[in-house]
């Protein structure tokens, strides 16, 4: 089997998770109608020790950097047994964080 160019032969689990999160967050951005356009989505493996067992957090905007939603991949995955559960939990976590930034109901943003 030969792979040409810079296209990866397969995504790592971390890359697949980040891709799934990005797709879900882009849908949430569309539903929000503008307030999330400058917000970045970041995926980290685990939260900082002082953060406890959080699944995600919001980093407020600072001079020179936009607000960001940070999803902690391993704690989210640990709570799911199937890909369907993972999609539902990830959608809910992202909607909850986006609602903190927009003031919109998370159920309106959820996939």
PDB file of N, CA and C in Angstrom:
ATOM      1  N   UNK A   1       0.851  -1.164   0.000  1.00  0.00           N
ATOM      2  CA  UNK A   1       0.000   0.000   0.000  1.00  0.00           C
ATOM      3  C   UNK A   1       0.902   1.235   0.000  1.00  0.00           C
ATOM      4  N   UNK A   2       0.632   2.172  -0.871  1.00  0.00           N
ATOM      5  CA  UNK A   2       1.435   3.380  -0.987  1.00  0.00           C
ATOM      6  C   UNK A   2       0.541   4.590  -0.771  1.00  0.00           C
ATOM      7  N   UNK A   3       1.004   5.512   0.074  1.00  0.00           N
ATOM      8  CA  UNK A   3       0.287   6.762   0.310  1.00  0.00           C
ATOM      9  C   UNK A   3       1.134   7.889  -0.238  1.00  0.00           C
ATOM     10  N   UNK A   4       0.557   8.662  -1.093  1.00  0.00           N
ATOM     11  CA  UNK A   4       1.286   9.761  -1.712  1.00  0.00           C
ATOM     12  C   UNK A   4       0.828  11.095  -1.113  1.00  0.00           C
ATOM     13  N   UNK A   5       1.719  12.042  -1.161  1.00  0.00           N
ATOM     14  CA  UNK A   5       1.375  13.384  -0.718  1.00  0.00           C
ATOM     15  C   UNK A   5       1.316  13.497   0.788  1.00  0.00           C
ATOM     16  N   UNK A   6       0.687  14.558   1.229  1.00  0.00           N
ATOM     17  CA  UNK A   6       0.653  14.865   2.650  1.00  0.00           C
ATOM     18  C   UNK A   6      -0.654  14.435   3.310  1.00  0.00           C
ATOM     19  N   UNK A   7      -1.428  13.628   2.661  1.00  0.00           N
ATOM     20  CA  UNK A   7      -2.695  13.163   3.225  1.00  0.00           C
ATOM     21  C   UNK A   7      -2.404  12.027   4.199  1.00  0.00           C
ATOM     22  N   UNK A   8      -2.867  12.151   5.433  1.00  0.00           N
ATOM     23  CA  UNK A   8      -2.590  11.065   6.383  1.00  0.00           C
ATOM     24  C   UNK A   8      -3.360   9.806   6.015  1.00  0.00           C
ATOM     25  N   UNK A   9      -2.742   8.661   6.260  1.00  0.00           N
ATOM     26  CA  UNK A   9      -3.385   7.382   5.962  1.00  0.00           C
ATOM     27  C   UNK A   9      -4.566   7.144   6.894  1.00  0.00           C
ATOM     28  N   UNK A  10      -4.464   7.607   8.115  1.00  0.00           N
ATOM     29  CA  UNK A  10      -5.544   7.451   9.082  1.00  0.00           C
ATOM     30  C   UNK A  10      -5.396   8.528  10.151  1.00  0.00           C
ATOM     31  N   UNK A  11      -6.510   8.900  10.743  1.00  0.00           N
ATOM     32  CA  UNK A  11      -6.472   9.863  11.843  1.00  0.00           C
ATOM     33  C   UNK A  11      -6.208   9.131  13.151  1.00  0.00           C
ATOM     34  N   UNK A  12      -5.490   9.804  14.029  1.00  0.00           N
ATOM     35  CA  UNK A  12      -5.340   9.269  15.376  1.00  0.00           C
ATOM     36  C   UNK A  12      -6.666   9.467  16.100  1.00  0.00           C
ATOM     37  N   UNK A  13      -6.830   8.838  17.236  1.00  0.00           N
ATOM     38  CA  UNK A  13      -8.064   9.026  18.015  1.00  0.00           C
ATOM     39  C   UNK A  13      -8.229  10.475  18.438  1.00  0.00           C
ATOM     40  N   UNK A  14      -7.132  11.103  18.802  1.00  0.00           N
ATOM     41  CA  UNK A  14      -7.192  12.516  19.203  1.00  0.00           C
ATOM     42  C   UNK A  14      -7.613  13.398  18.033  1.00  0.00           C
ATOM     43  N   UNK A  15      -7.076  13.125  16.852  1.00  0.00           N
ATOM     44  CA  UNK A  15      -7.460  13.901  15.664  1.00  0.00           C
ATOM     45  C   UNK A  15      -8.919  13.671  15.296  1.00  0.00           C
ATOM     46  N   UNK A  16      -9.384  12.433  15.406  1.00  0.00           N
ATOM     47  CA  UNK A  16     -10.784  12.126  15.101  1.00  0.00           C
ATOM     48  C   UNK A  16     -11.718  12.840  16.076  1.00  0.00           C
ATOM     49  N   UNK A  17     -11.350  12.856  17.360  1.00  0.00           N
ATOM     50  CA  UNK A  17     -12.149  13.561  18.365  1.00  0.00           C
ATOM     51  C   UNK A  17     -12.196  15.048  18.063  1.00  0.00           C
ATOM     52  N   UNK A  18     -11.042  15.643  17.772  1.00  0.00           N
ATOM     53  CA  UNK A  18     -10.974  17.074  17.476  1.00  0.00           C
ATOM     54  C   UNK A  18     -11.791  17.412  16.236  1.00  0.00           C
ATOM     55  N   UNK A  19     -11.750  16.558  15.233  1.00  0.00           N
ATOM     56  CA  UNK A  19     -12.536  16.775  14.010  1.00  0.00           C
ATOM     57  C   UNK A  19     -14.032  16.725  14.319  1.00  0.00           C
ATOM     58  N   UNK A  20     -14.444  15.742  15.091  1.00  0.00           N
ATOM     59  CA  UNK A  20     -15.859  15.618  15.476  1.00  0.00           C
ATOM     60  C   UNK A  20     -16.305  16.838  16.278  1.00  0.00           C
ATOM     61  N   UNK A  21     -15.475  17.269  17.222  1.00  0.00           N
ATOM     62  CA  UNK A  21     -15.796  18.445  18.033  1.00  0.00           C
ATOM     63  C   UNK A  21     -15.913  19.688  17.154  1.00  0.00           C
ATOM     64  N   UNK A  22     -15.025  19.832  16.178  1.00  0.00           N
ATOM     65  CA  UNK A  22     -15.057  20.996  15.287  1.00  0.00           C
ATOM     66  C   UNK A  22     -16.333  21.007  14.452  1.00  0.00           C
ATOM     67  N   UNK A  23     -16.765  19.850  13.974  1.00  0.00           N
ATOM     68  CA  UNK A  23     -18.012  19.786  13.199  1.00  0.00           C
ATOM     69  C   UNK A  23     -19.208  20.173  14.059  1.00  0.00           C
ATOM     70  N   UNK A  24     -19.262  19.641  15.270  1.00  0.00           N
ATOM     71  CA  UNK A  24     -20.366  19.973  16.167  1.00  0.00           C
ATOM     72  C   UNK A  24     -20.352  21.454  16.528  1.00  0.00           C
ATOM     73  N   UNK A  25     -19.168  21.998  16.797  1.00  0.00           N
ATOM     74  CA  UNK A  25     -19.081  23.405  17.186  1.00  0.00           C
ATOM     75  C   UNK A  25     -19.450  24.325  16.019  1.00  0.00           C
ATOM     76  N   UNK A  26     -19.152  23.929  14.795  1.00  0.00           N
ATOM     77  CA  UNK A  26     -19.537  24.756  13.645  1.00  0.00           C
ATOM     78  C   UNK A  26     -21.061  24.802  13.516  1.00  0.00           C
ATOM     79  N   UNK A  27     -21.731  23.701  13.824  1.00  0.00           N
ATOM     80  CA  UNK A  27     -23.203  23.706  13.801  1.00  0.00           C
ATOM     81  C   UNK A  27     -23.771  24.599  14.903  1.00  0.00           C
ATOM     82  N   UNK A  28     -23.129  24.552  16.070  1.00  0.00           N
ATOM     83  CA  UNK A  28     -23.563  25.410  17.176  1.00  0.00           C
ATOM     84  C   UNK A  28     -23.361  26.878  16.808  1.00  0.00           C
ATOM     85  N   UNK A  29     -22.249  27.193  16.170  1.00  0.00           N
ATOM     86  CA  UNK A  29     -22.002  28.570  15.713  1.00  0.00           C
ATOM     87  C   UNK A  29     -23.118  29.046  14.792  1.00  0.00           C
ATOM     88  N   UNK A  30     -23.530  28.185  13.860  1.00  0.00           N
ATOM     89  CA  UNK A  30     -24.612  28.549  12.935  1.00  0.00           C
ATOM     90  C   UNK A  30     -25.902  28.821  13.687  1.00  0.00           C
ATOM     91  N   UNK A  31     -26.223  27.984  14.658  1.00  0.00           N
ATOM     92  CA  UNK A  31     -27.461  28.181  15.427  1.00  0.00           C
ATOM     93  C   UNK A  31     -27.411  29.460  16.263  1.00  0.00           C
ATOM     94  N   UNK A  32     -26.233  29.803  16.751  1.00  0.00           N
ATOM     95  CA  UNK A  32     -26.087  30.987  17.598  1.00  0.00           C
ATOM     96  C   UNK A  32     -26.244  32.270  16.800  1.00  0.00           C
ATOM     97  N   UNK A  33     -25.969  32.225  15.516  1.00  0.00           N
ATOM     98  CA  UNK A  33     -26.196  33.384  14.666  1.00  0.00           C
ATOM     99  C   UNK A  33     -25.210  34.529  14.808  1.00  0.00           C
ATOM    100  N   UNK A  34     -23.962  34.272  15.133  1.00  0.00           N
ATOM    101  CA  UNK A  34     -22.968  35.340  15.108  1.00  0.00           C
ATOM    102  C   UNK A  34     -22.118  35.526  16.343  1.00  0.00           C
ATOM    103  N   UNK A  35     -22.649  35.416  17.558  1.00  0.00           N
ATOM    104  CA  UNK A  35     -21.822  35.724  18.728  1.00  0.00           C
ATOM    105  C   UNK A  35     -20.624  34.792  18.947  1.00  0.00           C
ATOM    106  N   UNK A  36     -20.620  33.644  18.305  1.00  0.00           N
ATOM    107  CA  UNK A  36     -19.517  32.702  18.491  1.00  0.00           C
ATOM    108  C   UNK A  36     -18.514  32.727  17.344  1.00  0.00           C
ATOM    109  N   UNK A  37     -18.700  33.617  16.399  1.00  0.00           N
ATOM    110  CA  UNK A  37     -17.848  33.631  15.210  1.00  0.00           C
ATOM    111  C   UNK A  37     -16.367  33.782  15.523  1.00  0.00           C
ATOM    112  N   UNK A  38     -16.025  34.550  16.542  1.00  0.00           N
ATOM    113  CA  UNK A  38     -14.612  34.772  16.876  1.00  0.00           C
ATOM    114  C   UNK A  38     -14.097  33.815  17.950  1.00  0.00           C
ATOM    115  N   UNK A  39     -14.974  32.959  18.467  1.00  0.00           N
ATOM    116  CA  UNK A  39     -14.586  32.047  19.548  1.00  0.00           C
ATOM    117  C   UNK A  39     -13.813  30.864  18.967  1.00  0.00           C
ATOM    118  N   UNK A  40     -12.708  30.524  19.599  1.00  0.00           N
ATOM    119  CA  UNK A  40     -11.900  29.384  19.163  1.00  0.00           C
ATOM    120  C   UNK A  40     -12.329  28.130  19.917  1.00  0.00           C
ATOM    121  N   UNK A  41     -12.205  26.998  19.262  1.00  0.00           N
ATOM    122  CA  UNK A  41     -12.422  25.706  19.907  1.00  0.00           C
ATOM    123  C   UNK A  41     -11.064  25.048  20.093  1.00  0.00           C
ATOM    124  N   UNK A  42     -10.765  24.666  21.319  1.00  0.00           N
ATOM    125  CA  UNK A  42      -9.509  23.992  21.634  1.00  0.00           C
ATOM    126  C   UNK A  42      -9.819  22.634  22.252  1.00  0.00           C
ATOM    127  N   UNK A  43      -9.014  21.646  21.942  1.00  0.00           N
ATOM    128  CA  UNK A  43      -9.171  20.315  22.526  1.00  0.00           C
ATOM    129  C   UNK A  43      -7.898  19.992  23.284  1.00  0.00           C
ATOM    130  N   UNK A  44      -8.069  19.658  24.542  1.00  0.00           N
ATOM    131  CA  UNK A  44      -6.949  19.274  25.394  1.00  0.00           C
ATOM    132  C   UNK A  44      -7.225  17.860  25.895  1.00  0.00           C
ATOM    133  N   UNK A  45      -6.209  17.141  26.270  1.00  0.00           N
ATOM    134  CA  UNK A  45      -6.433  15.774  26.744  1.00  0.00           C
ATOM    135  C   UNK A  45      -7.114  15.743  28.107  1.00  0.00           C
ATOM    136  N   UNK A  46      -6.596  16.504  29.057  1.00  0.00           N
ATOM    137  CA  UNK A  46      -7.139  16.507  30.417  1.00  0.00           C
ATOM    138  C   UNK A  46      -7.141  17.935  30.959  1.00  0.00           C
ATOM    139  N   UNK A  47      -8.026  18.202  31.927  1.00  0.00           N
ATOM    140  CA  UNK A  47      -8.005  19.537  32.532  1.00  0.00           C
ATOM    141  C   UNK A  47      -6.788  19.696  33.448  1.00  0.00           C
ATOM    142  N   UNK A  48      -6.477  20.925  33.747  1.00  0.00           N
ATOM    143  CA  UNK A  48      -5.403  21.209  34.705  1.00  0.00           C
ATOM    144  C   UNK A  48      -5.789  20.622  36.060  1.00  0.00           C
ATOM    145  N   UNK A  49      -4.810  20.191  36.852  1.00  0.00           N
ATOM    146  CA  UNK A  49      -5.127  19.554  38.145  1.00  0.00           C
ATOM    147  C   UNK A  49      -6.021  20.404  39.049  1.00  0.00           C
ATOM    148  N   UNK A  50      -5.823  21.700  39.031  1.00  0.00           N
ATOM    149  CA  UNK A  50      -6.627  22.565  39.903  1.00  0.00           C
ATOM    150  C   UNK A  50      -8.060  22.735  39.399  1.00  0.00           C
ATOM    151  N   UNK A  51      -8.341  22.308  38.169  1.00  0.00           N
ATOM    152  CA  UNK A  51      -9.689  22.454  37.598  1.00  0.00           C
ATOM    153  C   UNK A  51     -10.631  21.334  38.023  1.00  0.00           C
ATOM    154  N   UNK A  52     -10.116  20.280  38.598  1.00  0.00           N
ATOM    155  CA  UNK A  52     -10.977  19.178  39.023  1.00  0.00           C
ATOM    156  C   UNK A  52     -11.355  18.281  37.853  1.00  0.00           C
ATOM    157  N   UNK A  53     -12.581  17.803  37.848  1.00  0.00           N
ATOM    158  CA  UNK A  53     -13.032  16.830  36.862  1.00  0.00           C
ATOM    159  C   UNK A  53     -13.888  17.448  35.766  1.00  0.00           C
ATOM    160  N   UNK A  54     -13.624  18.654  35.374  1.00  0.00           N
ATOM    161  CA  UNK A  54     -14.446  19.300  34.357  1.00  0.00           C
ATOM    162  C   UNK A  54     -14.272  18.652  32.986  1.00  0.00           C
ATOM    163  N   UNK A  55     -15.346  18.700  32.203  1.00  0.00           N
ATOM    164  CA  UNK A  55     -15.323  18.167  30.846  1.00  0.00           C
ATOM    165  C   UNK A  55     -14.915  19.233  29.841  1.00  0.00           C
ATOM    166  N   UNK A  56     -15.175  20.491  30.188  1.00  0.00           N
ATOM    167  CA  UNK A  56     -14.842  21.610  29.303  1.00  0.00           C
ATOM    168  C   UNK A  56     -14.839  22.887  30.130  1.00  0.00           C
ATOM    169  N   UNK A  57     -14.315  23.940  29.528  1.00  0.00           N
ATOM    170  CA  UNK A  57     -14.338  25.241  30.188  1.00  0.00           C
ATOM    171  C   UNK A  57     -14.301  26.341  29.131  1.00  0.00           C
ATOM    172  N   UNK A  58     -14.612  27.548  29.568  1.00  0.00           N
ATOM    173  CA  UNK A  58     -14.541  28.719  28.699  1.00  0.00           C
ATOM    174  C   UNK A  58     -13.381  29.578  29.170  1.00  0.00           C
ATOM    175  N   UNK A  59     -12.533  29.961  28.232  1.00  0.00           N
ATOM    176  CA  UNK A  59     -11.475  30.925  28.519  1.00  0.00           C
ATOM    177  C   UNK A  59     -11.934  32.264  27.976  1.00  0.00           C
ATOM    178  N   UNK A  60     -12.084  33.269  28.826  1.00  0.00           N
ATOM    179  CA  UNK A  60     -12.566  34.567  28.347  1.00  0.00           C
ATOM    180  C   UNK A  60     -11.570  35.232  27.403  1.00  0.00           C
ATOM    181  N   UNK A  61     -12.087  36.104  26.585  1.00  0.00           N
ATOM    182  CA  UNK A  61     -11.232  36.856  25.662  1.00  0.00           C
ATOM    183  C   UNK A  61     -10.310  37.771  26.467  1.00  0.00           C
ATOM    184  N   UNK A  62      -9.096  37.911  25.957  1.00  0.00           N
ATOM    185  CA  UNK A  62      -8.128  38.840  26.539  1.00  0.00           C
ATOM    186  C   UNK A  62      -7.554  39.661  25.401  1.00  0.00           C
ATOM    187  N   UNK A  63      -6.877  40.711  25.740  1.00  0.00           N
ATOM    188  CA  UNK A  63      -6.274  41.546  24.703  1.00  0.00           C
ATOM    189  C   UNK A  63      -5.370  40.680  23.818  1.00  0.00           C
ATOM    190  N   UNK A  64      -5.682  40.660  22.551  1.00  0.00           N
ATOM    191  CA  UNK A  64      -4.876  39.914  21.604  1.00  0.00           C
ATOM    192  C   UNK A  64      -5.280  38.461  21.401  1.00  0.00           C
ATOM    193  N   UNK A  65      -6.224  37.959  22.199  1.00  0.00           N
ATOM    194  CA  UNK A  65      -6.679  36.578  21.992  1.00  0.00           C
ATOM    195  C   UNK A  65      -8.186  36.481  22.232  1.00  0.00           C
ATOM    196  N   UNK A  66      -8.869  35.776  21.336  1.00  0.00           N
ATOM    197  CA  UNK A  66     -10.328  35.666  21.461  1.00  0.00           C
ATOM    198  C   UNK A  66     -10.716  34.692  22.575  1.00  0.00           C
ATOM    199  N   UNK A  67     -11.987  34.709  22.923  1.00  0.00           N
ATOM    200  CA  UNK A  67     -12.508  33.716  23.867  1.00  0.00           C
ATOM    201  C   UNK A  67     -12.349  32.332  23.253  1.00  0.00           C
ATOM    202  N   UNK A  68     -12.286  31.321  24.119  1.00  0.00           N
ATOM    203  CA  UNK A  68     -12.122  29.954  23.629  1.00  0.00           C
ATOM    204  C   UNK A  68     -12.945  28.993  24.469  1.00  0.00           C
ATOM    205  N   UNK A  69     -13.447  27.968  23.815  1.00  0.00           N
ATOM    206  CA  UNK A  69     -14.067  26.836  24.492  1.00  0.00           C
ATOM    207  C   UNK A  69     -13.036  25.720  24.450  1.00  0.00           C
ATOM    208  N   UNK A  70     -12.705  25.184  25.626  1.00  0.00           N
ATOM    209  CA  UNK A  70     -11.728  24.106  25.727  1.00  0.00           C
ATOM    210  C   UNK A  70     -12.460  22.830  26.138  1.00  0.00           C
ATOM    211  N   UNK A  71     -12.359  21.789  25.325  1.00  0.00           N
ATOM    212  CA  UNK A  71     -12.958  20.490  25.629  1.00  0.00           C
ATOM    213  C   UNK A  71     -11.834  19.557  26.061  1.00  0.00           C
ATOM    214  N   UNK A  72     -12.064  18.839  27.154  1.00  0.00           N
ATOM    215  CA  UNK A  72     -11.076  17.902  27.677  1.00  0.00           C
ATOM    216  C   UNK A  72     -11.435  16.501  27.185  1.00  0.00           C
ATOM    217  N   UNK A  73     -10.669  16.021  26.236  1.00  0.00           N
ATOM    218  CA  UNK A  73     -10.982  14.810  25.479  1.00  0.00           C
ATOM    219  C   UNK A  73     -11.109  13.558  26.342  1.00  0.00           C
ATOM    220  N   UNK A  74     -10.139  13.253  27.159  1.00  0.00           N
ATOM    221  CA  UNK A  74     -10.149  11.987  27.892  1.00  0.00           C
ATOM    222  C   UNK A  74     -11.284  11.877  28.914  1.00  0.00           C
ATOM    223  N   UNK A  75     -11.594  12.927  29.690  1.00  0.00           N
ATOM    224  CA  UNK A  75     -12.750  12.816  30.587  1.00  0.00           C
ATOM    225  C   UNK A  75     -14.082  12.636  29.838  1.00  0.00           C
ATOM    226  N   UNK A  76     -14.208  13.255  28.665  1.00  0.00           N
ATOM    227  CA  UNK A  76     -15.433  13.088  27.877  1.00  0.00           C
ATOM    228  C   UNK A  76     -15.530  11.648  27.385  1.00  0.00           C
ATOM    229  N   UNK A  77     -14.449  11.140  26.820  1.00  0.00           N
ATOM    230  CA  UNK A  77     -14.447   9.774  26.293  1.00  0.00           C
ATOM    231  C   UNK A  77     -14.690   8.752  27.401  1.00  0.00           C
ATOM    232  N   UNK A  78     -14.150   8.992  28.589  1.00  0.00           N
ATOM    233  CA  UNK A  78     -14.281   8.046  29.698  1.00  0.00           C
ATOM    234  C   UNK A  78     -15.736   7.857  30.131  1.00  0.00           C
ATOM    235  N   UNK A  79     -16.582   8.821  29.854  1.00  0.00           N
ATOM    236  CA  UNK A  79     -17.983   8.741  30.260  1.00  0.00           C
ATOM    237  C   UNK A  79     -18.885   8.081  29.214  1.00  0.00           C
ATOM    238  N   UNK A  80     -18.306   7.638  28.115  1.00  0.00           N
ATOM    239  CA  UNK A  80     -19.108   7.108  27.006  1.00  0.00           C
ATOM    240  C   UNK A  80     -18.707   5.677  26.671  1.00  0.00           C
ATOM    241  N   UNK A  81     -19.720   4.871  26.377  1.00  0.00           N
ATOM    242  CA  UNK A  81     -19.461   3.486  25.965  1.00  0.00           C
ATOM    243  C   UNK A  81     -19.581   3.302  24.464  1.00  0.00           C
ATOM    244  N   UNK A  82     -20.348   4.165  23.790  1.00  0.00           N
ATOM    245  CA  UNK A  82     -20.548   4.032  22.348  1.00  0.00           C
ATOM    246  C   UNK A  82     -20.251   5.352  21.652  1.00  0.00           C
ATOM    247  N   UNK A  83     -20.084   5.289  20.337  1.00  0.00           N
ATOM    248  CA  UNK A  83     -19.874   6.510  19.559  1.00  0.00           C
ATOM    249  C   UNK A  83     -21.097   7.414  19.624  1.00  0.00           C
ATOM    250  N   UNK A  84     -22.283   6.810  19.701  1.00  0.00           N
ATOM    251  CA  UNK A  84     -23.514   7.604  19.801  1.00  0.00           C
ATOM    252  C   UNK A  84     -23.548   8.395  21.105  1.00  0.00           C
ATOM    253  N   UNK A  85     -23.187   7.734  22.209  1.00  0.00           N
ATOM    254  CA  UNK A  85     -23.128   8.431  23.499  1.00  0.00           C
ATOM    255  C   UNK A  85     -22.093   9.548  23.451  1.00  0.00           C
ATOM    256  N   UNK A  86     -20.960   9.278  22.812  1.00  0.00           N
ATOM    257  CA  UNK A  86     -19.913  10.288  22.696  1.00  0.00           C
ATOM    258  C   UNK A  86     -20.431  11.510  21.940  1.00  0.00           C
ATOM    259  N   UNK A  87     -21.120  11.296  20.826  1.00  0.00           N
ATOM    260  CA  UNK A  87     -21.666  12.407  20.056  1.00  0.00           C
ATOM    261  C   UNK A  87     -22.666  13.221  20.851  1.00  0.00           C
ATOM    262  N   UNK A  88     -23.532  12.538  21.598  1.00  0.00           N
ATOM    263  CA  UNK A  88     -24.541  13.237  22.408  1.00  0.00           C
ATOM    264  C   UNK A  88     -23.894  14.038  23.534  1.00  0.00           C
ATOM    265  N   UNK A  89     -22.940  13.405  24.235  1.00  0.00           N
ATOM    266  CA  UNK A  89     -22.279  14.107  25.335  1.00  0.00           C
ATOM    267  C   UNK A  89     -21.467  15.286  24.827  1.00  0.00           C
ATOM    268  N   UNK A  90     -20.727  15.079  23.768  1.00  0.00           N
ATOM    269  CA  UNK A  90     -19.896  16.152  23.217  1.00  0.00           C
ATOM    270  C   UNK A  90     -20.760  17.311  22.736  1.00  0.00           C
ATOM    271  N   UNK A  91     -21.858  17.011  22.073  1.00  0.00           N
ATOM    272  CA  UNK A  91     -22.778  18.062  21.632  1.00  0.00           C
ATOM    273  C   UNK A  91     -23.324  18.840  22.826  1.00  0.00           C
ATOM    274  N   UNK A  92     -23.701  18.118  23.880  1.00  0.00           N
ATOM    275  CA  UNK A  92     -24.222  18.773  25.074  1.00  0.00           C
ATOM    276  C   UNK A  92     -23.198  19.629  25.782  1.00  0.00           C
ATOM    277  N   UNK A  93     -21.980  19.122  25.895  1.00  0.00           N
ATOM    278  CA  UNK A  93     -20.907  19.873  26.557  1.00  0.00           C
ATOM    279  C   UNK A  93     -20.601  21.150  25.778  1.00  0.00           C
ATOM    280  N   UNK A  94     -20.489  21.039  24.462  1.00  0.00           N
ATOM    281  CA  UNK A  94     -20.205  22.223  23.640  1.00  0.00           C
ATOM    282  C   UNK A  94     -21.348  23.230  23.702  1.00  0.00           C
ATOM    283  N   UNK A  95     -22.577  22.746  23.671  1.00  0.00           N
ATOM    284  CA  UNK A  95     -23.735  23.652  23.756  1.00  0.00           C
ATOM    285  C   UNK A  95     -23.767  24.366  25.103  1.00  0.00           C
ATOM    286  N   UNK A  96     -23.461  23.650  26.177  1.00  0.00           N
ATOM    287  CA  UNK A  96     -23.438  24.272  27.507  1.00  0.00           C
ATOM    288  C   UNK A  96     -22.390  25.380  27.584  1.00  0.00           C
ATOM    289  N   UNK A  97     -21.209  25.122  27.055  1.00  0.00           N
ATOM    290  CA  UNK A  97     -20.151  26.131  27.087  1.00  0.00           C
ATOM    291  C   UNK A  97     -20.498  27.319  26.190  1.00  0.00           C
ATOM    292  N   UNK A  98     -21.059  27.035  25.018  1.00  0.00           N
ATOM    293  CA  UNK A  98     -21.454  28.115  24.111  1.00  0.00           C
ATOM    294  C   UNK A  98     -22.552  28.976  24.730  1.00  0.00           C
ATOM    295  N   UNK A  99     -23.433  28.359  25.494  1.00  0.00           N
ATOM    296  CA  UNK A  99     -24.509  29.131  26.123  1.00  0.00           C
ATOM    297  C   UNK A  99     -23.957  30.102  27.165  1.00  0.00           C
ATOM    298  N   UNK A 100     -22.848  29.739  27.808  1.00  0.00           N
ATOM    299  CA  UNK A 100     -22.219  30.654  28.764  1.00  0.00           C
ATOM    300  C   UNK A 100     -21.713  31.915  28.064  1.00  0.00           C
ATOM    301  N   UNK A 101     -21.286  31.771  26.834  1.00  0.00           N
ATOM    302  CA  UNK A 101     -20.759  32.909  26.074  1.00  0.00           C
ATOM    303  C   UNK A 101     -21.859  33.734  25.400  1.00  0.00           C
ATOM    304  N   UNK A 102     -22.965  33.084  25.059  1.00  0.00           N
ATOM    305  CA  UNK A 102     -24.000  33.770  24.283  1.00  0.00           C
ATOM    306  C   UNK A 102     -25.227  34.166  25.085  1.00  0.00           C
ATOM    307  N   UNK A 103     -25.465  33.488  26.198  1.00  0.00           N
ATOM    308  CA  UNK A 103     -26.690  33.727  26.956  1.00  0.00           C
ATOM    309  C   UNK A 103     -27.891  32.988  26.384  1.00  0.00           C
ATOM    310  N   UNK A 104     -27.682  32.216  25.324  1.00  0.00           N
ATOM    311  CA  UNK A 104     -28.762  31.436  24.725  1.00  0.00           C
ATOM    312  C   UNK A 104     -28.971  30.140  25.500  1.00  0.00           C
ATOM    313  N   UNK A 105     -30.162  29.581  25.386  1.00  0.00           N
ATOM    314  CA  UNK A 105     -30.480  28.307  26.014  1.00  0.00           C
ATOM    315  C   UNK A 105     -29.654  27.199  25.360  1.00  0.00           C
ATOM    316  N   UNK A 106     -28.973  26.368  26.134  1.00  0.00           N
ATOM    317  CA  UNK A 106     -28.163  25.296  25.545  1.00  0.00           C
ATOM    318  C   UNK A 106     -28.982  24.347  24.668  1.00  0.00           C
ATOM    319  N   UNK A 107     -30.253  24.142  25.021  1.00  0.00           N
ATOM    320  CA  UNK A 107     -31.095  23.249  24.209  1.00  0.00           C
ATOM    321  C   UNK A 107     -31.326  23.798  22.810  1.00  0.00           C
ATOM    322  N   UNK A 108     -31.291  25.117  22.651  1.00  0.00           N
ATOM    323  CA  UNK A 108     -31.430  25.723  21.325  1.00  0.00           C
ATOM    324  C   UNK A 108     -30.170  25.528  20.481  1.00  0.00           C
ATOM    325  N   UNK A 109     -29.041  25.342  21.135  1.00  0.00           N
ATOM    326  CA  UNK A 109     -27.764  25.219  20.451  1.00  0.00           C
ATOM    327  C   UNK A 109     -27.366  23.774  20.184  1.00  0.00           C
ATOM    328  N   UNK A 110     -27.939  22.865  20.959  1.00  0.00           N
ATOM    329  CA  UNK A 110     -27.567  21.446  20.907  1.00  0.00           C
ATOM    330  C   UNK A 110     -27.889  20.831  19.560  1.00  0.00           C
ATOM    331  N   UNK A 111     -27.052  19.875  19.152  1.00  0.00           N
ATOM    332  CA  UNK A 111     -27.221  19.186  17.885  1.00  0.00           C
ATOM    333  C   UNK A 111     -28.340  18.168  17.955  1.00  0.00           C
TER     334      UNK A 111
END
